[in-house]
Amino acid sequence: MNDSADKQPPAEQAPEHAGRSLATPFRHPIETLRREIDRLFDDFAPGARLSAMRRSLFDLEPFRHRDRSWDAAPAVDVSETDQTYEITAELPGMSEQDIEVKLVNGGLSIRGQKYEGKKETHKGYYMRERRFGSFERYFPMPDGVDAEKIAASFDKGVLKITLPKTAEASQGEKRIEIKAG
């Protein structure tokens, strides 16, 4: 039997990066997942994942000082009392001039942006860094909010928005009489 007649040369396959711009590096899905998991762990314990065993020789992460105030969305708590709804947002490093609170399309919009520049000049080197970050959060307005009495305050990096309930909403419950027949 002639096995060589049945064998055909392997079809040429396109390289893995074919069809992609070389300017945008391809990341394997597992690598993307690993980076996302590392980022999530960093949210709980910044720097904990930077052990020598898991760091590449050219990894610059240990030299960066992550500032949590530049995250895309601030940490927010929403609570309810008998008389109000309250939204509390942690905005470290920001001032009230950096923040905007508006009623938009039946909801409450919180927007903020921050720019920071830093320049250092020492003998032998010059360094200049700039960072810009912005965010927007939107909260649908619950029924029974007195929109005219909404108030906001900002103190030590914490924004507190109070949404007072209307008199009807403050009652909480209303008994409905059931009629016979």
Protein backbone atom coordinates (compact mmCIF):
# COMPACT_ATOMS: atom_id res chain seq x y z
CA MET A 1 0.00 0.00 0.00
CA ASN A 2 1.25 3.45 -0.83
CA ASP A 3 0.72 5.65 2.21
CA SER A 4 2.48 8.60 0.63
CA ALA A 5 -0.28 8.98 -1.97
CA ASP A 6 -2.90 9.38 0.77
CA LYS A 7 -0.91 11.94 2.65
CA GLN A 8 -1.30 15.55 1.68
CA PRO A 9 0.84 18.40 2.86
CA PRO A 10 -0.69 20.21 5.81
CA ALA A 11 -2.73 23.22 4.83
CA GLU A 12 -1.03 26.48 5.62
CA GLN A 13 -2.66 28.12 8.55
CA ALA A 14 -2.81 31.85 9.10
CA PRO A 15 -0.81 33.03 12.07
CA GLU A 16 -2.78 33.58 15.28
CA HIS A 17 -2.53 37.35 14.97
CA ALA A 18 -3.76 37.48 11.35
CA GLY A 19 -6.51 40.01 10.84
CA ARG A 20 -5.50 42.02 13.91
CA SER A 21 -3.56 45.21 13.95
CA LEU A 22 -0.06 44.73 15.28
CA ALA A 23 -0.53 48.00 17.15
CA THR A 24 -3.08 46.33 19.45
CA PRO A 25 -1.51 43.31 21.12
CA PHE A 26 -3.54 40.11 21.27
CA ARG A 27 -4.16 38.79 24.75
CA HIS A 28 -5.16 35.23 25.31
CA PRO A 29 -8.57 34.99 27.06
CA ILE A 30 -6.96 33.25 30.05
CA GLU A 31 -4.46 36.12 30.40
CA THR A 32 -7.33 38.62 30.30
CA LEU A 33 -9.19 36.63 32.96
CA ARG A 34 -6.06 36.43 35.14
CA ARG A 35 -5.59 40.21 34.93
CA GLU A 36 -9.24 40.79 35.86
CA ILE A 37 -9.01 38.43 38.85
CA ASP A 38 -5.78 40.16 39.96
CA ARG A 39 -7.54 43.53 39.69
CA LEU A 40 -10.43 42.25 41.82
CA PHE A 41 -8.02 40.95 44.48
CA ASP A 42 -6.27 44.33 44.38
CA ASP A 43 -9.59 45.96 45.31
CA PHE A 44 -9.51 44.04 48.60
CA ALA A 45 -5.78 44.07 49.35
CA PRO A 46 -3.77 46.42 47.11
CA GLY A 47 -0.31 45.06 46.42
CA ALA A 48 -1.03 41.61 47.87
CA ARG A 49 -0.71 39.93 44.49
CA LEU A 50 2.73 41.37 43.82
CA SER A 51 4.78 38.52 45.21
CA ALA A 52 8.13 37.88 43.56
CA MET A 53 6.88 34.53 42.22
CA ARG A 54 4.07 36.12 40.20
CA ARG A 55 5.84 39.23 38.90
CA SER A 56 7.72 39.40 35.62
CA LEU A 57 11.13 41.02 35.39
CA PHE A 58 9.74 44.04 33.52
CA ASP A 59 6.54 44.47 35.54
CA LEU A 60 6.37 48.12 36.62
CA GLU A 61 3.37 47.63 38.92
CA PRO A 62 5.44 47.64 42.15
CA PHE A 63 6.70 51.11 41.26
CA ARG A 64 3.25 52.55 40.68
CA HIS A 65 1.36 53.90 43.63
CA ARG A 66 -2.25 53.07 42.92
CA ASP A 67 -4.57 55.79 44.04
CA ARG A 68 -8.04 54.36 44.63
CA SER A 69 -9.60 57.80 44.03
CA TRP A 70 -9.10 57.31 40.30
CA ASP A 71 -11.40 54.32 39.97
CA ALA A 72 -14.08 54.63 37.30
CA ALA A 73 -17.03 54.47 39.68
CA PRO A 74 -17.06 55.56 43.31
CA ALA A 75 -18.24 53.33 46.14
CA VAL A 76 -21.87 54.23 46.88
CA ASP A 77 -24.29 53.29 49.66
CA VAL A 78 -28.05 53.74 49.27
CA SER A 79 -30.19 53.57 52.40
CA GLU A 80 -33.75 54.30 53.45
CA THR A 81 -35.18 55.72 56.66
CA ASP A 82 -38.79 56.45 57.54
CA GLN A 83 -38.49 60.01 56.21
CA THR A 84 -35.73 59.89 53.55
CA TYR A 85 -33.65 57.98 51.06
CA GLU A 86 -29.93 58.67 51.39
CA ILE A 87 -27.13 58.21 48.90
CA THR A 88 -23.56 58.35 50.22
CA ALA A 89 -20.64 58.32 47.77
CA GLU A 90 -16.95 58.09 48.66
CA LEU A 91 -15.00 60.58 46.54
CA PRO A 92 -11.53 60.88 48.10
CA GLY A 93 -9.31 63.63 46.77
CA MET A 94 -12.18 65.50 45.15
CA SER A 95 -13.77 68.82 46.12
CA GLU A 96 -17.34 70.03 45.72
CA GLN A 97 -16.24 71.95 42.58
CA ASP A 98 -15.31 68.60 40.95
CA ILE A 99 -18.81 67.14 41.47
CA GLU A 100 -22.19 67.75 39.85
CA VAL A 101 -25.53 66.41 41.12
CA LYS A 102 -28.61 66.79 38.88
CA LEU A 103 -32.13 65.48 38.41
CA VAL A 104 -32.26 63.99 34.92
CA ASN A 105 -35.05 61.99 33.23
CA GLY A 106 -36.70 60.87 36.45
CA GLY A 107 -33.48 59.99 38.22
CA LEU A 108 -30.50 61.41 40.07
CA SER A 109 -27.19 61.83 38.24
CA ILE A 110 -23.86 62.18 40.06
CA ARG A 111 -20.92 63.22 37.87
CA GLY A 112 -17.38 64.06 38.75
CA GLN A 113 -14.03 64.66 37.17
CA LYS A 114 -10.58 65.31 38.45
CA TYR A 115 -7.31 66.39 36.95
CA GLU A 116 -4.01 66.19 38.75
CA GLY A 117 -0.57 67.16 37.56
CA LYS A 118 2.72 66.47 39.28
CA LYS A 119 6.17 67.68 38.34
CA GLU A 120 9.48 66.78 39.97
CA THR A 121 12.89 68.05 39.07
CA HIS A 122 15.96 66.71 40.80
CA LYS A 123 19.60 66.54 39.91
CA GLY A 124 19.89 64.16 37.02
CA TYR A 125 16.23 63.64 36.15
CA TYR A 126 12.95 65.32 35.35
CA MET A 127 9.57 63.70 35.83
CA ARG A 128 6.09 64.93 34.97
CA GLU A 129 2.88 62.95 35.46
CA ARG A 130 -0.70 63.86 34.65
CA ARG A 131 -3.85 61.97 35.49
CA PHE A 132 -7.46 62.59 34.58
CA GLY A 133 -10.46 60.64 35.75
CA SER A 134 -14.19 61.02 35.44
CA PHE A 135 -17.29 59.07 36.40
CA GLU A 136 -21.05 59.23 36.22
CA ARG A 137 -23.58 57.30 38.28
CA TYR A 138 -27.32 57.35 37.69
CA PHE A 139 -29.99 56.31 40.20
CA PRO A 140 -33.65 55.98 39.15
CA MET A 141 -35.77 58.09 41.47
CA PRO A 142 -38.16 56.04 43.62
CA ASP A 143 -41.81 57.07 43.82
CA GLY A 144 -42.69 59.42 46.63
CA VAL A 145 -39.56 61.62 46.63
CA ASP A 146 -40.06 65.35 47.17
CA ALA A 147 -37.75 66.56 44.37
CA GLU A 148 -37.90 70.19 45.53
CA LYS A 149 -36.31 69.32 48.89
CA ILE A 150 -33.38 67.17 47.74
CA ALA A 151 -30.18 68.32 49.48
CA ALA A 152 -26.51 67.44 49.03
CA SER A 153 -23.50 68.01 51.28
CA PHE A 154 -19.82 67.22 50.87
CA ASP A 155 -17.38 66.75 53.74
CA LYS A 156 -13.93 65.11 53.87
CA GLY A 157 -14.32 63.26 50.58
CA VAL A 158 -17.84 61.97 51.25
CA LEU A 159 -20.87 63.18 49.28
CA LYS A 160 -24.20 62.74 51.05
CA ILE A 161 -27.46 63.27 49.16
CA THR A 162 -30.74 63.30 51.07
CA LEU A 163 -33.96 62.64 49.16
CA PRO A 164 -36.90 63.45 51.47
CA LYS A 165 -40.05 61.39 51.08
CA THR A 166 -43.42 63.03 50.49
CA ALA A 167 -45.95 62.88 53.33
CA GLU A 168 -47.80 60.04 51.58
CA ALA A 169 -44.64 58.01 51.05
CA SER A 170 -43.49 58.58 54.65
CA GLN A 171 -46.53 56.79 55.99
CA GLY A 172 -45.09 53.57 54.63
CA GLU A 173 -48.33 51.65 54.49
CA LYS A 174 -52.00 52.32 54.19
CA ARG A 175 -54.69 49.87 55.13
CA ILE A 176 -57.25 49.30 52.40
CA GLU A 177 -60.77 48.59 53.55
CA ILE A 178 -62.37 45.50 52.04
CA LYS A 179 -66.05 45.89 51.28
CA ALA A 180 -68.44 42.98 51.14
CA GLY A 181 -70.16 41.99 47.96
